[in-house]
Amino acid sequence: MQHDVVAIVPELMLVAAALVLLLIDPFLPAKGRRGLSWLGIMACLPAAASVWLARSQQFSTFSHGIALDGFAVFFKILLLAVAALAMLLSEKHLARNGRLLGDYYALVLLATVGMMVMASAIDLATFFVGLELMALSSYLLAGFFRHQLRSIEASLKYFLTGSFASAILLFGMALLYGLTGSTNYQQISIAIGSGSLDGHVIVIAVVLLLGGFAFKVAAAPFHGWAPDVYQGAPTPAAAFLSVGPKIAAFAAIIKFFTIMLGSEQARWVPLMIVVAIATMLIGATMALLQHDLKRMLAFSSIAHVGYLLLALIAAGQSHSNFGSSAILFYLAAYAAMNMGAFGVLVFLANSARFNDSLDEMAGLARRFPGAAGVMAVLMFSLAGIPPTAGFLAKFYLFASVVDAGYAWLAVIGVLFSVVSAFYYLRVIVYMYMREPEPEVAAVMEPGGGRSWDLSLGLGLATAVVIVLGVLPAPVLNAAQDAVAKILGS
């Protein structure tokens, strides 16, 4: 019983904070809701502290449904940081659009609980409960601006595609349960590794699982929902949805494919190679055509998923933990880069009638030098230019692919990364080397978008990008330690 409580203390803290937000919100006047985000943020800090204090423990609980190990600790702290950053970016934007409600922060917290359960799950049933809690909260976040048709459309598309993805995943998991008679990852792995099961059914299960996860992380050819959802969702929610669900999904993907299906590498690696190349191709090339910055970031995030899948292939083929640790480090860097970039768009939307257009970025350095400087650092990092976190993240990731014997695949990844540099650097060119249209300059109000919590969030994201680019060792060592301590591996 003591272990059960210790394992879920962070999740209980977030649920309690979400319930408090939902209970007090109806009794507060509109102005009284200012600062509600800090209730959610203050819940994330002790939750992260409780995870950190339990980092030396390693056990399973809830009938071997949840594991508390180094892997879960890494992902829980990362997800709590993402949730806190999302709430820092949100308050002024919600108030400006007349939707300053505690419901928003409660949904962020509940989605984070679902993600944390996904990362620590070692049982199919537990994983699916976390997946659905995350998914349902995410659908509501995408449609939080219900007075905007675009937001409603984003929520509906996310719900429909997400429901299909969950169903496909569930079919794949049902086949594994039917074959092995167990829902525990390790027991399924042992049963599949025995070689006594029907190989044709395993192939079908692998295809279904790969298809379901491809939907969840927006990998090709199941990526179509992402640009529409990110474009239509409230910008702070888009920042959260572009990072959080991917982190949780990759935590599950690593366990599914390197532990549960580790003996079936010959079946899933070729499929993964095709998906990874198609994902990089579509993400990088389609981002070149975008003039809406949220859609550009959506397609670029699809390309980043392709890079992560390359490391997953390396993790499946290599006998070391290099590939898996590269994924964890890359996810930490990507979280700071992408949320920071969306945060700059939040700042600009708070400052003016900003419609997320690339043309509106023209001359930004003269009107908002601070925001332009932050955006420049983040674009350099996303492009993989040193000395930023993005450069080292890509370096470690491609090095893991080469180490696994897929040098040709690493070359393809580097080529697509070079292509991606064009659309990231194009933003910098517009900010520093283009003159704004008169009608655009007229509606931009210098200082109108500033709020100290948003400035804090942008400052933290930028600092992480710079520090990880110069001193990657602490996070990289934590990532290596985490994958070495996956319970049951």
Protein backbone atom coordinates (compact mmCIF):
# COMPACT_ATOMS: atom_id res chain seq x y z
CA MET A 1 0.00 0.00 0.00
CA GLN A 2 2.88 2.36 0.83
CA HIS A 3 4.47 1.68 -2.54
CA ASP A 4 1.14 2.27 -4.28
CA VAL A 5 0.84 5.73 -2.74
CA VAL A 6 4.49 6.69 -3.34
CA ALA A 7 4.21 5.77 -7.02
CA ILE A 8 1.27 8.08 -7.70
CA VAL A 9 1.86 10.99 -5.30
CA PRO A 10 2.65 13.41 -8.18
CA GLU A 11 -0.49 12.39 -10.07
CA LEU A 12 -2.60 12.79 -6.92
CA MET A 13 -1.25 16.31 -6.42
CA LEU A 14 -2.21 17.32 -9.95
CA VAL A 15 -5.69 15.76 -9.68
CA ALA A 16 -6.27 17.56 -6.37
CA ALA A 17 -5.22 20.89 -7.90
CA ALA A 18 -7.45 20.29 -10.94
CA LEU A 19 -10.44 19.57 -8.69
CA VAL A 20 -9.78 22.72 -6.64
CA LEU A 21 -9.64 24.79 -9.83
CA LEU A 22 -12.92 23.34 -11.07
CA LEU A 23 -14.62 23.89 -7.71
CA ILE A 24 -13.56 27.49 -7.04
CA ASP A 25 -13.77 28.82 -10.59
CA PRO A 26 -17.59 29.27 -10.71
CA PHE A 27 -17.50 31.41 -7.56
CA LEU A 28 -14.84 33.84 -8.78
CA PRO A 29 -15.54 37.09 -10.66
CA ALA A 30 -13.82 37.53 -14.01
CA LYS A 31 -11.00 39.64 -12.55
CA GLY A 32 -10.68 37.25 -9.62
CA ARG A 33 -9.48 34.54 -11.97
CA ARG A 34 -6.21 36.35 -12.56
CA GLY A 35 -3.42 34.25 -11.15
CA LEU A 36 -5.31 30.93 -11.25
CA SER A 37 -2.54 29.60 -13.46
CA TRP A 38 -0.22 29.78 -10.48
CA LEU A 39 -2.36 27.28 -8.59
CA GLY A 40 -1.64 24.81 -11.37
CA ILE A 41 2.04 25.77 -11.54
CA MET A 42 2.41 25.48 -7.78
CA ALA A 43 0.96 21.97 -8.00
CA CYS A 44 3.58 21.00 -10.60
CA LEU A 45 6.53 22.11 -8.45
CA PRO A 46 5.90 19.86 -5.39
CA ALA A 47 4.86 17.07 -7.76
CA ALA A 48 8.24 17.34 -9.50
CA ALA A 49 9.97 17.46 -6.11
CA SER A 50 8.20 14.26 -5.01
CA VAL A 51 9.28 12.54 -8.23
CA TRP A 52 12.87 13.66 -7.69
CA LEU A 53 12.93 12.44 -4.08
CA ALA A 54 11.77 8.99 -5.23
CA ARG A 55 14.34 8.78 -8.05
CA SER A 56 16.46 6.13 -6.28
CA GLN A 57 13.54 3.73 -5.87
CA GLN A 58 12.67 1.07 -8.41
CA PHE A 59 9.57 -1.06 -8.04
CA SER A 60 6.25 -1.92 -9.67
CA THR A 61 2.89 -1.43 -8.04
CA PHE A 62 -0.87 -1.64 -8.63
CA SER A 63 -0.61 -5.33 -9.55
CA HIS A 64 2.41 -4.63 -11.79
CA GLY A 65 0.49 -1.99 -13.72
CA ILE A 66 2.73 1.00 -12.92
CA ALA A 67 6.50 1.20 -12.52
CA LEU A 68 8.46 3.74 -10.54
CA ASP A 69 11.92 3.63 -12.10
CA GLY A 70 14.49 5.95 -13.63
CA PHE A 71 12.63 6.00 -16.94
CA ALA A 72 9.36 7.12 -15.32
CA VAL A 73 11.18 9.72 -13.21
CA PHE A 74 12.78 11.34 -16.29
CA PHE A 75 9.53 11.56 -18.21
CA LYS A 76 7.43 12.71 -15.26
CA ILE A 77 9.77 15.62 -14.51
CA LEU A 78 9.88 16.56 -18.20
CA LEU A 79 6.08 16.44 -18.52
CA LEU A 80 5.59 18.50 -15.35
CA ALA A 81 8.00 21.12 -16.72
CA VAL A 82 6.03 21.21 -19.99
CA ALA A 83 2.73 21.64 -18.12
CA ALA A 84 4.12 24.46 -15.96
CA LEU A 85 5.54 26.23 -19.01
CA ALA A 86 2.22 25.88 -20.87
CA MET A 87 0.39 27.56 -17.98
CA LEU A 88 2.98 30.36 -17.84
CA LEU A 89 2.26 31.13 -21.48
CA SER A 90 -1.52 31.07 -21.20
CA GLU A 91 -3.14 33.55 -18.83
CA LYS A 92 -2.97 36.83 -20.73
CA HIS A 93 -3.90 35.13 -23.99
CA LEU A 94 -6.99 33.57 -22.41
CA ALA A 95 -8.00 36.90 -20.84
CA ARG A 96 -7.55 38.75 -24.14
CA ASN A 97 -9.90 36.28 -25.83
CA GLY A 98 -12.49 36.34 -23.05
CA ARG A 99 -11.86 32.75 -21.91
CA LEU A 100 -9.97 33.25 -18.65
CA LEU A 101 -11.35 30.16 -16.89
CA GLY A 102 -9.93 27.72 -14.39
CA ASP A 103 -11.21 24.90 -16.59
CA TYR A 104 -8.27 25.45 -18.94
CA TYR A 105 -5.64 24.87 -16.26
CA ALA A 106 -7.57 21.89 -14.89
CA LEU A 107 -7.54 20.34 -18.37
CA VAL A 108 -3.78 20.91 -18.69
CA LEU A 109 -3.23 19.21 -15.33
CA LEU A 110 -5.50 16.27 -16.14
CA ALA A 111 -3.86 15.80 -19.55
CA THR A 112 -0.49 15.79 -17.78
CA VAL A 113 -1.71 13.12 -15.36
CA GLY A 114 -2.69 10.96 -18.34
CA MET A 115 0.73 11.49 -19.92
CA MET A 116 2.53 10.59 -16.70
CA VAL A 117 0.50 7.38 -16.42
CA MET A 118 1.41 6.51 -20.02
CA ALA A 119 5.12 7.02 -19.24
CA SER A 120 5.08 4.87 -16.10
CA ALA A 121 2.67 2.16 -17.30
CA ILE A 122 3.95 -1.41 -17.71
CA ASP A 123 0.54 -2.89 -18.43
CA LEU A 124 -1.69 -2.45 -21.47
CA ALA A 125 -4.80 -1.62 -19.44
CA THR A 126 -3.01 1.02 -17.36
CA PHE A 127 -1.46 2.53 -20.48
CA PHE A 128 -4.84 2.82 -22.19
CA VAL A 129 -6.42 4.56 -19.18
CA GLY A 130 -3.64 7.16 -19.26
CA LEU A 131 -3.93 7.50 -23.03
CA GLU A 132 -7.65 8.25 -22.91
CA LEU A 133 -7.34 10.72 -20.03
CA MET A 134 -4.70 12.59 -22.02
CA ALA A 135 -6.72 12.40 -25.24
CA LEU A 136 -10.05 13.60 -23.85
CA SER A 137 -8.41 16.56 -22.10
CA SER A 138 -6.49 17.42 -25.28
CA TYR A 139 -9.63 17.46 -27.44
CA LEU A 140 -11.21 19.99 -25.07
CA LEU A 141 -8.07 22.15 -24.99
CA ALA A 142 -8.02 22.33 -28.79
CA GLY A 143 -11.59 23.63 -28.82
CA PHE A 144 -11.32 25.87 -25.79
CA PHE A 145 -12.12 29.01 -27.80
CA ARG A 146 -15.59 27.72 -28.60
CA HIS A 147 -16.68 31.09 -30.00
CA GLN A 148 -14.16 30.63 -32.84
CA LEU A 149 -15.15 28.29 -35.65
CA ARG A 150 -11.53 27.41 -36.33
CA SER A 151 -11.06 26.22 -32.75
CA ILE A 152 -14.21 24.09 -32.88
CA GLU A 153 -13.03 22.60 -36.17
CA ALA A 154 -9.64 21.79 -34.62
CA SER A 155 -11.29 20.06 -31.68
CA LEU A 156 -13.59 18.01 -33.92
CA LYS A 157 -10.76 16.90 -36.22
CA TYR A 158 -8.58 16.04 -33.26
CA PHE A 159 -11.40 14.05 -31.66
CA LEU A 160 -12.22 12.07 -34.80
CA THR A 161 -8.64 11.22 -35.74
CA GLY A 162 -7.70 10.58 -32.11
CA SER A 163 -10.64 8.22 -31.66
CA PHE A 164 -9.62 6.24 -34.74
CA ALA A 165 -6.04 6.09 -33.48
CA SER A 166 -7.13 4.87 -30.06
CA ALA A 167 -9.32 2.20 -31.65
CA ILE A 168 -6.47 1.01 -33.88
CA LEU A 169 -4.12 0.86 -30.89
CA LEU A 170 -6.73 -1.03 -28.89
CA PHE A 171 -7.14 -3.61 -31.66
CA GLY A 172 -3.39 -4.18 -31.69
CA MET A 173 -3.25 -4.53 -27.91
CA ALA A 174 -6.24 -6.90 -27.96
CA LEU A 175 -4.38 -9.16 -30.40
CA LEU A 176 -1.35 -9.22 -28.11
CA TYR A 177 -3.55 -10.09 -25.15
CA GLY A 178 -5.31 -12.81 -27.14
CA LEU A 179 -1.97 -14.30 -28.20
CA THR A 180 -0.22 -14.18 -24.84
CA GLY A 181 -3.01 -14.19 -22.26
CA SER A 182 -1.42 -11.26 -20.44
CA THR A 183 -1.50 -7.46 -20.45
CA ASN A 184 1.86 -7.04 -18.68
CA TYR A 185 4.65 -5.77 -20.95
CA GLN A 186 7.29 -8.14 -19.62
CA GLN A 187 5.08 -11.22 -19.74
CA ILE A 188 4.03 -10.37 -23.30
CA SER A 189 7.71 -9.97 -24.21
CA ILE A 190 8.57 -13.38 -22.77
CA ALA A 191 5.66 -15.06 -24.54
CA ILE A 192 6.53 -13.50 -27.92
CA GLY A 193 10.22 -14.26 -27.47
CA SER A 194 9.47 -17.96 -26.94
CA GLY A 195 8.75 -18.27 -30.67
CA SER A 196 5.68 -20.44 -30.14
CA LEU A 197 3.07 -17.85 -31.20
CA ASP A 198 1.47 -17.34 -34.60
CA GLY A 199 3.80 -15.03 -36.53
CA HIS A 200 1.07 -13.78 -38.86
CA VAL A 201 -1.01 -12.49 -35.97
CA ILE A 202 2.05 -10.81 -34.46
CA VAL A 203 2.65 -9.00 -37.77
CA ILE A 204 -0.94 -7.74 -37.76
CA ALA A 205 -0.56 -6.58 -34.16
CA VAL A 206 2.70 -4.78 -34.99
CA VAL A 207 1.10 -2.99 -37.95
CA LEU A 208 -1.89 -1.91 -35.86
CA LEU A 209 0.30 -0.65 -33.03
CA LEU A 210 2.57 1.21 -35.42
CA GLY A 211 -0.42 2.77 -37.18
CA GLY A 212 -2.04 3.83 -33.90
CA PHE A 213 1.13 5.41 -32.55
CA ALA A 214 1.77 7.07 -35.93
CA PHE A 215 -1.58 8.83 -35.55
CA LYS A 216 -0.73 9.92 -32.01
CA VAL A 217 2.65 11.43 -32.88
CA ALA A 218 1.58 12.74 -36.32
CA ALA A 219 3.86 10.48 -38.34
CA ALA A 220 3.22 9.98 -42.06
CA PRO A 221 0.89 8.96 -43.54
CA PHE A 222 -1.30 9.74 -40.50
CA HIS A 223 -0.13 13.30 -40.00
CA GLY A 224 -2.93 15.27 -41.69
CA TRP A 225 -4.69 16.33 -38.50
CA ALA A 226 -1.71 18.13 -36.93
CA PRO A 227 -1.51 21.33 -39.03
CA ASP A 228 -5.27 21.95 -38.79
CA VAL A 229 -5.37 21.27 -35.04
CA TYR A 230 -2.35 23.45 -34.21
CA GLN A 231 -3.64 26.26 -36.41
CA GLY A 232 -7.14 26.24 -34.92
CA ALA A 233 -6.33 25.59 -31.27
CA PRO A 234 -5.58 28.48 -28.89
CA THR A 235 -1.88 29.20 -29.35
CA PRO A 236 -0.84 28.28 -25.76
CA ALA A 237 -2.83 25.06 -26.08
CA ALA A 238 -1.17 24.37 -29.44
CA ALA A 239 2.21 24.78 -27.74
CA PHE A 240 1.24 22.21 -25.11
CA LEU A 241 -0.33 19.79 -27.62
CA SER A 242 2.66 19.98 -29.95
CA VAL A 243 4.97 18.71 -27.21
CA GLY A 244 3.22 16.91 -24.33
CA PRO A 245 1.40 14.13 -26.21
CA LYS A 246 4.50 13.41 -28.30
CA ILE A 247 6.67 13.03 -25.20
CA ALA A 248 4.16 10.65 -23.58
CA ALA A 249 3.66 8.70 -26.80
CA PHE A 250 7.40 8.21 -27.32
CA ALA A 251 7.77 7.04 -23.71
CA ALA A 252 5.21 4.35 -24.53
CA ILE A 253 6.67 3.63 -27.98
CA ILE A 254 10.11 2.92 -26.49
CA LYS A 255 8.60 0.41 -24.07
CA PHE A 256 6.32 -1.17 -26.67
CA PHE A 257 8.91 -1.68 -29.38
CA THR A 258 12.20 -2.18 -27.50
CA ILE A 259 10.84 -4.22 -24.57
CA MET A 260 7.52 -5.80 -25.47
CA LEU A 261 8.33 -6.33 -29.15
CA GLY A 262 12.11 -6.38 -28.81
CA SER A 263 12.37 -9.90 -30.21
CA GLU A 264 10.36 -8.87 -33.29
CA GLN A 265 12.81 -6.27 -34.61
CA ALA A 266 13.01 -8.00 -37.97
CA ARG A 267 9.28 -7.35 -38.44
CA TRP A 268 8.89 -3.76 -37.24
CA VAL A 269 12.24 -2.15 -38.16
CA PRO A 270 11.63 -2.22 -41.97
CA LEU A 271 8.17 -0.72 -41.46
CA MET A 272 9.61 1.93 -39.16
CA ILE A 273 12.26 2.87 -41.73
CA VAL A 274 9.58 3.51 -44.37
CA VAL A 275 7.47 5.54 -41.93
CA ALA A 276 10.48 7.58 -40.74
CA ILE A 277 11.61 8.52 -44.26
CA ALA A 278 8.06 9.39 -45.36
CA THR A 279 7.56 11.48 -42.22
CA MET A 280 10.76 13.46 -42.74
CA LEU A 281 9.99 13.95 -46.42
CA ILE A 282 6.44 15.22 -45.89
CA GLY A 283 7.28 17.31 -42.82
CA ALA A 284 10.30 19.05 -44.33
CA THR A 285 8.88 19.68 -47.79
CA MET A 286 5.40 20.80 -46.70
CA ALA A 287 6.85 23.20 -44.13
CA LEU A 288 8.64 24.96 -47.01
CA LEU A 289 5.25 25.91 -48.51
CA GLN A 290 3.67 27.37 -45.36
CA HIS A 291 3.18 31.07 -44.66
CA ASP A 292 1.11 30.48 -41.53
CA LEU A 293 3.64 30.07 -38.73
CA LYS A 294 1.52 27.67 -36.70
CA ARG A 295 1.14 25.41 -39.73
CA MET A 296 4.85 25.72 -40.42
CA LEU A 297 5.66 24.66 -36.86
CA ALA A 298 3.16 21.81 -37.20
CA PHE A 299 4.83 20.43 -40.32
CA SER A 300 8.26 20.98 -38.80
CA SER A 301 7.16 18.98 -35.75
CA ILE A 302 6.21 16.17 -38.14
CA ALA A 303 9.78 16.24 -39.49
CA HIS A 304 11.11 16.07 -35.92
CA VAL A 305 9.00 12.96 -35.34
CA GLY A 306 10.78 11.43 -38.33
CA TYR A 307 14.17 12.11 -36.72
CA LEU A 308 12.97 10.53 -33.46
CA LEU A 309 11.81 7.43 -35.33
CA LEU A 310 15.34 7.08 -36.72
CA ALA A 311 16.65 6.85 -33.15
CA LEU A 312 13.94 4.31 -32.33
CA ILE A 313 15.19 2.17 -35.23
CA ALA A 314 18.69 2.48 -33.78
CA ALA A 315 17.38 1.48 -30.35
CA GLY A 316 15.74 -1.60 -31.86
CA GLN A 317 18.83 -2.73 -33.75
CA SER A 318 21.64 -1.79 -31.37
CA HIS A 319 22.59 -3.74 -28.26
CA SER A 320 23.33 -0.46 -26.42
CA ASN A 321 20.99 2.14 -24.95
CA PHE A 322 22.42 4.87 -27.20
CA GLY A 323 19.32 5.20 -29.38
CA SER A 324 16.83 5.34 -26.51
CA SER A 325 18.88 7.88 -24.54
CA ALA A 326 19.18 10.02 -27.69
CA ILE A 327 15.38 10.06 -27.93
CA LEU A 328 15.05 11.23 -24.33
CA PHE A 329 17.62 14.02 -24.76
CA TYR A 330 16.04 15.08 -28.04
CA LEU A 331 12.58 15.26 -26.44
CA ALA A 332 13.89 17.49 -23.65
CA ALA A 333 15.50 19.87 -26.15
CA TYR A 334 12.50 19.78 -28.49
CA ALA A 335 10.12 20.65 -25.65
CA ALA A 336 11.99 23.87 -24.88
CA MET A 337 12.46 24.83 -28.54
CA ASN A 338 8.94 24.25 -29.76
CA MET A 339 7.11 25.65 -26.74
CA GLY A 340 9.33 28.72 -26.82
CA ALA A 341 8.56 29.30 -30.51
CA PHE A 342 4.82 29.02 -29.87
CA GLY A 343 5.31 31.29 -26.85
CA VAL A 344 6.64 34.07 -29.10
CA LEU A 345 3.50 33.69 -31.22
CA VAL A 346 1.44 34.01 -28.02
CA PHE A 347 3.30 37.22 -27.18
CA LEU A 348 2.63 38.67 -30.63
CA ALA A 349 -1.03 37.65 -30.53
CA ASN A 350 -1.33 39.45 -27.19
CA SER A 351 0.31 42.56 -28.67
CA ALA A 352 -1.79 43.06 -31.75
CA ARG A 353 -4.16 41.62 -34.31
CA PHE A 354 -1.52 39.06 -35.20
CA ASN A 355 -2.73 36.28 -37.49
CA ASP A 356 0.36 34.04 -37.32
CA SER A 357 1.43 35.02 -40.82
CA LEU A 358 5.06 34.97 -41.89
CA ASP A 359 4.54 38.35 -43.58
CA GLU A 360 3.62 39.86 -40.21
CA MET A 361 7.08 38.91 -38.89
CA ALA A 362 8.68 41.42 -41.27
CA GLY A 363 10.60 44.09 -39.36
CA LEU A 364 9.81 42.48 -36.01
CA ALA A 365 13.33 43.16 -34.72
CA ARG A 366 12.68 46.92 -34.79
CA ARG A 367 9.28 46.78 -33.12
CA PHE A 368 9.90 43.95 -30.63
CA PRO A 369 13.67 43.40 -30.38
CA GLY A 370 13.37 41.11 -27.36
CA ALA A 371 10.79 38.82 -28.96
CA ALA A 372 12.79 38.77 -32.21
CA GLY A 373 15.95 37.82 -30.33
CA VAL A 374 14.23 34.96 -28.53
CA MET A 375 12.65 33.74 -31.76
CA ALA A 376 16.02 33.87 -33.53
CA VAL A 377 17.65 31.69 -30.86
CA LEU A 378 14.79 29.18 -31.04
CA MET A 379 14.82 29.06 -34.85
CA PHE A 380 18.59 28.49 -34.85
CA SER A 381 18.08 25.65 -32.38
CA LEU A 382 15.25 24.05 -34.32
CA ALA A 383 17.46 24.23 -37.42
CA GLY A 384 20.24 22.44 -35.52
CA ILE A 385 22.82 25.23 -35.57
CA PRO A 386 25.46 25.26 -32.78
CA PRO A 387 25.87 26.10 -29.98
CA THR A 388 22.22 25.36 -29.22
CA ALA A 389 20.37 22.38 -27.79
CA GLY A 390 18.96 21.51 -31.20
CA PHE A 391 22.44 20.95 -32.65
CA LEU A 392 23.55 18.56 -29.92
CA ALA A 393 20.19 16.78 -29.88
CA LYS A 394 20.45 16.06 -33.61
CA PHE A 395 24.13 15.16 -33.31
CA TYR A 396 23.48 12.52 -30.63
CA LEU A 397 20.44 11.24 -32.47
CA PHE A 398 22.20 10.79 -35.82
CA ALA A 399 25.27 9.37 -34.06
CA SER A 400 23.06 6.68 -32.50
CA VAL A 401 21.74 5.80 -35.96
CA VAL A 402 25.28 5.46 -37.32
CA ASP A 403 26.29 3.41 -34.28
CA ALA A 404 23.45 0.98 -35.03
CA GLY A 405 24.79 0.40 -38.55
CA TYR A 406 22.41 2.68 -40.46
CA ALA A 407 24.82 5.33 -41.74
CA TRP A 408 22.79 5.72 -44.94
CA LEU A 409 19.67 6.45 -42.89
CA ALA A 410 21.56 9.05 -40.88
CA VAL A 411 22.66 10.72 -44.14
CA ILE A 412 19.01 10.95 -45.24
CA GLY A 413 18.11 12.48 -41.89
CA VAL A 414 20.91 15.06 -42.16
CA LEU A 415 19.80 16.01 -45.69
CA PHE A 416 16.23 16.63 -44.52
CA SER A 417 17.61 18.60 -41.57
CA VAL A 418 19.49 20.81 -44.05
CA VAL A 419 16.24 21.35 -45.95
CA SER A 420 14.50 22.33 -42.72
CA ALA A 421 17.09 25.02 -42.06
CA PHE A 422 15.59 27.03 -44.94
CA TYR A 423 12.17 27.58 -43.38
CA TYR A 424 13.57 28.24 -39.92
CA LEU A 425 16.15 30.74 -41.16
CA ARG A 426 13.52 32.35 -43.36
CA VAL A 427 11.74 33.53 -40.20
CA ILE A 428 14.94 35.24 -39.06
CA VAL A 429 15.37 36.88 -42.46
CA TYR A 430 11.85 38.29 -42.26
CA MET A 431 12.39 39.60 -38.71
CA TYR A 432 15.71 41.32 -39.39
CA MET A 433 15.88 42.00 -43.13
CA ARG A 434 12.35 42.78 -44.33
CA GLU A 435 10.31 45.94 -43.97
CA PRO A 436 6.77 45.46 -42.61
CA GLU A 437 3.68 46.36 -44.56
CA PRO A 438 2.25 49.70 -43.28
CA GLU A 439 -1.08 48.16 -42.23
CA VAL A 440 0.76 45.46 -40.27
CA ALA A 441 3.00 47.92 -38.44
CA ALA A 442 -0.01 50.05 -37.50
CA VAL A 443 -1.72 47.35 -35.42
CA MET A 444 1.36 46.16 -33.55
CA GLU A 445 1.43 47.77 -30.13
CA PRO A 446 4.91 47.66 -28.55
CA GLY A 447 4.57 46.45 -24.97
CA GLY A 448 0.96 45.40 -25.35
CA GLY A 449 1.73 41.70 -25.14
CA ARG A 450 4.05 41.79 -22.17
CA SER A 451 3.17 39.97 -18.98
CA TRP A 452 5.71 38.87 -16.44
CA ASP A 453 4.61 35.23 -16.41
CA LEU A 454 4.81 35.02 -20.22
CA SER A 455 8.22 36.71 -20.12
CA LEU A 456 9.32 34.22 -17.47
CA GLY A 457 8.16 31.31 -19.61
CA LEU A 458 9.99 32.58 -22.70
CA GLY A 459 13.09 33.28 -20.64
CA LEU A 460 13.12 29.77 -19.19
CA ALA A 461 12.62 28.14 -22.61
CA THR A 462 15.43 30.19 -24.14
CA ALA A 463 17.74 29.51 -21.19
CA VAL A 464 17.18 25.75 -21.49
CA VAL A 465 17.96 25.86 -25.22
CA ILE A 466 21.23 27.71 -24.58
CA VAL A 467 22.30 25.74 -21.48
CA LEU A 468 21.62 22.35 -23.08
CA GLY A 469 23.66 23.47 -26.07
CA VAL A 470 26.65 24.33 -23.88
CA LEU A 471 26.29 21.92 -20.92
CA PRO A 472 24.35 18.86 -22.11
CA ALA A 473 26.00 16.40 -19.71
CA PRO A 474 23.48 16.51 -16.80
CA VAL A 475 20.43 15.87 -18.98
CA LEU A 476 22.25 13.41 -21.24
CA ASN A 477 23.52 11.46 -18.23
CA ALA A 478 20.01 11.47 -16.78
CA ALA A 479 18.67 10.15 -20.09
CA GLN A 480 21.26 7.37 -20.20
CA ASP A 481 20.56 6.45 -16.59
CA ALA A 482 16.81 6.45 -17.27
CA VAL A 483 16.91 3.97 -20.15
CA ALA A 484 19.28 1.76 -18.18
CA LYS A 485 16.69 1.51 -15.40
CA ILE A 486 13.49 0.63 -17.25
CA LEU A 487 11.83 -1.87 -14.95
CA GLY A 488 11.50 -5.22 -16.65
CA SER A 489 13.83 -4.46 -19.56
